[in-house]
Protein backbone atom coordinates (compact mmCIF):
# COMPACT_ATOMS: atom_id res chain seq x y z
CA UNK A 1 -0.17 -0.07 0.14
CA UNK A 2 1.42 3.76 -0.74
CA UNK A 3 1.58 5.67 2.04
CA UNK A 4 -1.28 8.40 3.06
CA UNK A 5 -1.16 11.86 0.65
CA UNK A 6 -2.27 14.38 3.41
CA UNK A 7 -1.62 14.79 6.73
CA UNK A 8 -2.08 17.97 9.54
CA UNK A 9 0.69 17.75 12.05
CA UNK A 10 -0.31 19.29 15.51
CA UNK A 11 3.13 20.36 16.93
CA UNK A 12 1.60 21.76 19.95
CA UNK A 13 0.23 18.43 20.97
CA UNK A 14 2.45 15.86 18.96
CA UNK A 15 0.11 14.43 16.73
CA UNK A 16 -0.50 13.89 13.18
CA UNK A 17 -4.26 13.60 11.80
CA UNK A 18 -4.45 11.64 8.51
CA UNK A 19 -8.15 12.11 7.06
CA UNK A 20 -9.79 9.62 5.27
CA UNK A 21 -12.22 10.62 3.04
CA UNK A 22 -16.20 10.75 4.01
CA UNK A 23 -15.12 10.18 7.45
CA UNK A 24 -15.35 12.97 9.06
CA UNK A 25 -12.79 15.35 7.93
CA UNK A 26 -14.34 18.60 8.11
CA UNK A 27 -15.85 17.89 11.38
CA UNK A 28 -11.98 17.01 12.49
CA UNK A 29 -10.72 20.15 11.01
CA UNK A 30 -12.54 22.25 12.62
CA UNK A 31 -12.28 20.66 16.17
CA UNK A 32 -8.54 21.19 15.22
CA UNK A 33 -9.01 24.67 14.46
CA UNK A 34 -10.69 24.77 17.83
CA UNK A 35 -7.95 22.95 19.84
CA UNK A 36 -5.60 25.21 18.62
CA UNK A 37 -7.36 28.94 18.99
CA UNK A 38 -8.21 29.03 15.15
CA UNK A 39 -11.40 30.65 13.80
CA UNK A 40 -13.42 27.29 13.02
CA UNK A 41 -16.23 29.88 11.37
CA UNK A 42 -16.96 29.80 7.47
CA UNK A 43 -15.64 27.29 4.81
CA UNK A 44 -13.22 24.98 6.00
CA UNK A 45 -10.89 25.49 3.26
CA UNK A 46 -10.11 28.56 4.66
CA UNK A 47 -9.45 27.54 8.18
CA UNK A 48 -6.07 25.84 6.84
CA UNK A 49 -4.85 25.60 3.77
CA UNK A 50 -2.56 22.74 2.57
CA UNK A 51 0.88 23.27 1.74
CA UNK A 52 3.15 20.44 -0.17
CA UNK A 53 5.64 19.12 1.91
CA UNK A 54 9.24 18.98 1.42
CA UNK A 55 12.10 17.56 3.57
CA UNK A 56 13.98 20.94 3.50
CA UNK A 57 10.92 23.36 3.46
CA UNK A 58 10.92 26.02 6.30
CA UNK A 59 6.92 26.63 5.53
CA UNK A 60 4.96 25.98 8.60
CA UNK A 61 8.07 24.50 10.84
CA UNK A 62 7.06 26.57 13.53
CA UNK A 63 3.49 26.86 13.16
CA UNK A 64 0.96 24.59 16.15
CA UNK A 65 -1.15 23.20 13.11
CA UNK A 66 -0.27 22.58 9.24
CA UNK A 67 -2.23 20.61 6.59
CA UNK A 68 0.30 19.07 3.90
CA UNK A 69 -0.05 17.10 0.81
CA UNK A 70 2.65 14.98 0.62
CA UNK A 71 3.86 13.86 -3.10
CA UNK A 72 4.90 10.18 -3.58
CA UNK A 73 8.59 10.88 -3.63
CA UNK A 74 8.67 12.47 -0.10
CA UNK A 75 6.09 10.40 1.74
CA UNK A 76 8.49 7.92 3.38
CA UNK A 77 10.80 11.00 4.05
CA UNK A 78 7.20 12.89 6.01
CA UNK A 79 6.82 9.97 8.21
CA UNK A 80 10.51 9.60 9.10
CA UNK A 81 10.48 13.44 9.84
CA UNK A 82 7.71 13.11 12.44
CA UNK A 83 8.83 9.64 13.77
CA UNK A 84 7.46 9.64 17.51
CA UNK A 85 4.45 11.56 16.60
CA UNK A 86 0.88 9.60 17.14
CA UNK A 87 -1.05 9.32 14.19
CA UNK A 88 -4.90 9.22 14.59
CA UNK A 89 -7.60 9.17 12.20
CA UNK A 90 -11.27 8.39 11.61
CA UNK A 91 -12.75 5.59 10.28
CA UNK A 92 -16.33 4.85 9.53
CA UNK A 93 -19.04 1.90 9.42
CA UNK A 94 -17.88 0.77 5.79
CA UNK A 95 -21.61 0.28 4.46
CA UNK A 96 -22.73 3.84 5.59
CA UNK A 97 -19.36 5.20 4.10
CA UNK A 98 -20.73 3.44 0.78
CA UNK A 99 -24.06 5.55 1.30
CA UNK A 100 -22.52 9.03 1.92
CA UNK A 101 -20.42 8.05 -1.26
CA UNK A 102 -23.73 7.47 -2.97
CA UNK A 103 -25.21 10.64 -1.57
CA UNK A 104 -22.82 12.79 -1.80
CA UNK A 105 -19.94 11.56 -4.53
CA UNK A 106 -22.12 9.92 -7.39
CA UNK A 107 -20.53 12.46 -9.58
CA UNK A 108 -16.80 10.80 -9.73
CA UNK A 109 -18.75 7.23 -10.57
CA UNK A 110 -20.91 8.76 -12.90
CA UNK A 111 -18.12 10.73 -14.50
CA UNK A 112 -16.07 8.13 -15.22
CA UNK A 113 -18.49 5.09 -15.62
CA UNK A 114 -22.47 6.61 -16.24
CA UNK A 115 -21.63 9.75 -18.58
CA UNK A 116 -25.10 10.02 -19.32
CA UNK A 117 -26.31 10.54 -15.62
CA UNK A 118 -23.59 12.74 -15.54
CA UNK A 119 -24.26 15.01 -18.32
CA UNK A 120 -27.89 15.12 -17.06
CA UNK A 121 -26.61 16.18 -13.53
CA UNK A 122 -24.82 18.87 -15.15
CA UNK A 123 -27.92 20.21 -17.23
CA UNK A 124 -29.89 20.63 -14.15
CA UNK A 125 -26.98 22.59 -11.87
CA UNK A 126 -26.51 24.78 -15.18
CA UNK A 127 -30.18 25.67 -14.75
CA UNK A 128 -29.94 26.93 -11.51
CA UNK A 129 -27.00 29.74 -11.68
CA UNK A 130 -27.04 31.05 -8.63
CA UNK A 131 -26.21 28.88 -5.10
CA UNK A 132 -23.32 26.38 -5.33
CA UNK A 133 -25.41 23.86 -2.75
CA UNK A 134 -28.37 24.05 -4.81
CA UNK A 135 -26.65 23.45 -8.01
CA UNK A 136 -24.83 20.48 -6.21
CA UNK A 137 -28.44 19.10 -5.08
CA UNK A 138 -29.84 19.38 -8.41
CA UNK A 139 -26.92 17.53 -9.91
CA UNK A 140 -26.84 15.01 -7.27
CA UNK A 141 -30.97 14.55 -7.57
CA UNK A 142 -31.07 13.96 -11.24
CA UNK A 143 -27.85 11.40 -10.92
CA UNK A 144 -29.82 9.58 -8.27
CA UNK A 145 -32.77 9.32 -10.09
CA UNK A 146 -30.50 7.62 -12.55
CA UNK A 147 -28.32 5.29 -10.47
CA UNK A 148 -29.83 3.67 -7.50
CA UNK A 149 -27.54 2.74 -4.49
CA UNK A 150 -27.79 -0.67 -6.10
CA UNK A 151 -26.56 0.37 -9.57
CA UNK A 152 -23.41 2.14 -8.11
CA UNK A 153 -22.73 -1.24 -6.35
CA UNK A 154 -23.30 -3.24 -9.36
CA UNK A 155 -20.63 -0.65 -10.97
CA UNK A 156 -18.09 -0.99 -8.09
CA UNK A 157 -18.25 -4.77 -8.57
CA UNK A 158 -17.62 -4.09 -12.30
CA UNK A 159 -15.06 -1.35 -11.79
CA UNK A 160 -13.43 -1.95 -8.42
CA UNK A 161 -12.80 0.27 -5.72
CA UNK A 162 -9.32 1.99 -6.59
CA UNK A 163 -9.93 4.63 -8.96
CA UNK A 164 -10.92 7.09 -6.49
CA UNK A 165 -9.56 7.80 -3.31
CA UNK A 166 -13.33 8.39 -1.93
CA UNK A 167 -14.05 4.48 -2.45
CA UNK A 168 -10.39 3.03 -1.00
CA UNK A 169 -10.97 1.22 1.44
CA UNK A 170 -9.86 3.09 4.24
CA UNK A 171 -7.37 0.44 5.31
CA UNK A 172 -5.71 1.55 2.11
CA UNK A 173 -6.30 5.17 2.59
CA UNK A 174 -4.52 4.95 6.26
CA UNK A 175 -1.91 2.07 4.80
CA UNK A 176 -2.21 0.46 8.00
CA UNK A 177 -0.20 -2.67 6.55
CA UNK A 178 2.88 0.23 6.77
CA UNK A 179 2.13 2.49 9.78
CA UNK A 180 1.15 2.13 12.84
CA UNK A 181 -1.63 4.18 14.61
CA UNK A 182 -2.10 5.55 18.05
CA UNK A 183 -6.07 5.87 17.65
CA UNK A 184 -8.83 4.67 15.14
CA UNK A 185 -11.38 6.93 16.24
CA UNK A 186 -14.77 5.72 15.26
CA UNK A 187 -17.16 8.49 13.52
CA UNK A 188 -20.58 6.94 15.30
CA UNK A 189 -18.79 7.71 18.82
CA UNK A 190 -16.11 10.48 17.54
CA UNK A 191 -17.37 12.90 20.59
CA UNK A 192 -16.33 10.29 23.19
CA UNK A 193 -13.16 8.87 21.50
CA UNK A 194 -11.88 12.50 20.23
CA UNK A 195 -12.17 13.27 24.32
CA UNK A 196 -10.51 10.40 25.52
CA UNK A 197 -7.44 10.93 22.96
CA UNK A 198 -7.01 14.55 23.31
CA UNK A 199 -6.85 13.76 26.98
CA UNK A 200 -4.22 11.15 26.08
CA UNK A 201 -2.22 13.50 24.63
CA UNK A 202 -2.43 16.00 27.56
CA UNK A 203 -4.86 18.02 26.44
CA UNK A 204 -7.42 19.43 29.74
CA UNK A 205 -9.20 22.20 30.76
CA UNK A 206 -10.12 25.33 29.12
CA UNK A 207 -8.22 24.02 25.60
CA UNK A 208 -9.82 20.67 25.70
CA UNK A 209 -13.68 22.48 26.18
CA UNK A 210 -13.08 24.82 23.75
CA UNK A 211 -13.19 22.05 21.36
CA UNK A 212 -16.85 20.58 22.30
CA UNK A 213 -19.24 19.86 21.57
CA UNK A 214 -18.34 18.76 18.09
CA UNK A 215 -19.72 20.51 14.71
CA UNK A 216 -23.05 18.54 13.93
CA UNK A 217 -22.00 15.53 11.88
CA UNK A 218 -25.13 13.42 11.26
CA UNK A 219 -23.55 9.45 10.77
CA UNK A 220 -27.00 7.76 10.01
CA UNK A 221 -28.89 10.15 7.81
CA UNK A 222 -26.91 8.93 4.44
CA UNK A 223 -27.64 4.95 5.56
CA UNK A 224 -31.16 5.72 6.50
CA UNK A 225 -31.65 7.33 3.23
CA UNK A 226 -29.84 5.20 1.06
CA UNK A 227 -30.81 1.18 1.16
CA UNK A 228 -28.82 -1.53 -0.26
CA UNK A 229 -30.51 -4.91 -1.45
CA UNK A 230 -29.01 -8.13 0.48
CA UNK A 231 -27.00 -8.77 -2.58
CA UNK A 232 -25.69 -5.38 -2.42
CA UNK A 233 -24.74 -5.50 1.28
CA UNK A 234 -23.12 -9.03 0.44
CA UNK A 235 -20.85 -6.96 -2.44
CA UNK A 236 -19.87 -4.11 -0.24
CA UNK A 237 -18.72 -6.71 2.72
CA UNK A 238 -16.49 -8.63 -0.40
CA UNK A 239 -15.45 -5.09 -1.52
CA UNK A 240 -14.38 -3.94 1.91
CA UNK A 241 -13.57 -6.78 3.96
CA UNK A 242 -10.32 -5.28 4.40
CA UNK A 243 -12.01 -2.64 6.35
CA UNK A 244 -14.27 -5.04 8.00
CA UNK A 245 -11.56 -6.96 9.34
CA UNK A 246 -9.28 -4.25 10.51
CA UNK A 247 -11.73 -1.48 11.88
CA UNK A 248 -13.72 -3.22 13.95
CA UNK A 249 -17.11 -3.40 12.23
CA UNK A 250 -18.52 -6.41 11.76
CA UNK A 251 -19.89 -7.34 8.35
CA UNK A 252 -23.41 -6.77 6.99
CA UNK A 253 -25.96 -10.19 7.39
CA UNK A 254 -26.61 -10.73 3.63
């Protein structure tokens, strides 16, 4: 497995957060911004801009919190340079993550494997010239009318799950065969598990309390609104077998 492509380094508290797509990244960035006294309102991408890491880069070396993109040639050097810092990430029940991808990242699948649905969604978005949220909602709504949850799973069975990191197994994003994590926080219990992790890193008092309560993150709505057939559940259990094995989740009953 290749090493992770992105990382957020907390030098103040001695840990590195490795984001996994569709596993609470926005919530965690807001929490880390609060932990380090940064503004946590507005668009997340304005709170913490990623920069490319290089072994000799001076950028952000003294910053208490830094967000890095890491090129393939620098990934081993990055983790070697930060040896001794605790690694942490957030993981999610694999079927719920697949449902979230269906609800929110169907365009990535459609752009490759279902072009008519993709362009129909684009046309629906263009009909609403004002408001990105409205455009995305219209685009996703049209694509979901043309691609069912089971249709997505059928496509994943045909094309695999390695063509886009949003669909990669979480174990592969995290490179669990190469890296050891101090904590894998479960999105379903993130409030309690993140608090326990921060306490283990010596965070206490007002510094700890300014992180909580976490920004609202509804981990159940995607799964409640996305129904997979028993055959699709069995297929997801096969496609994401590594995640069920490694992350502490029971596979769905087919």
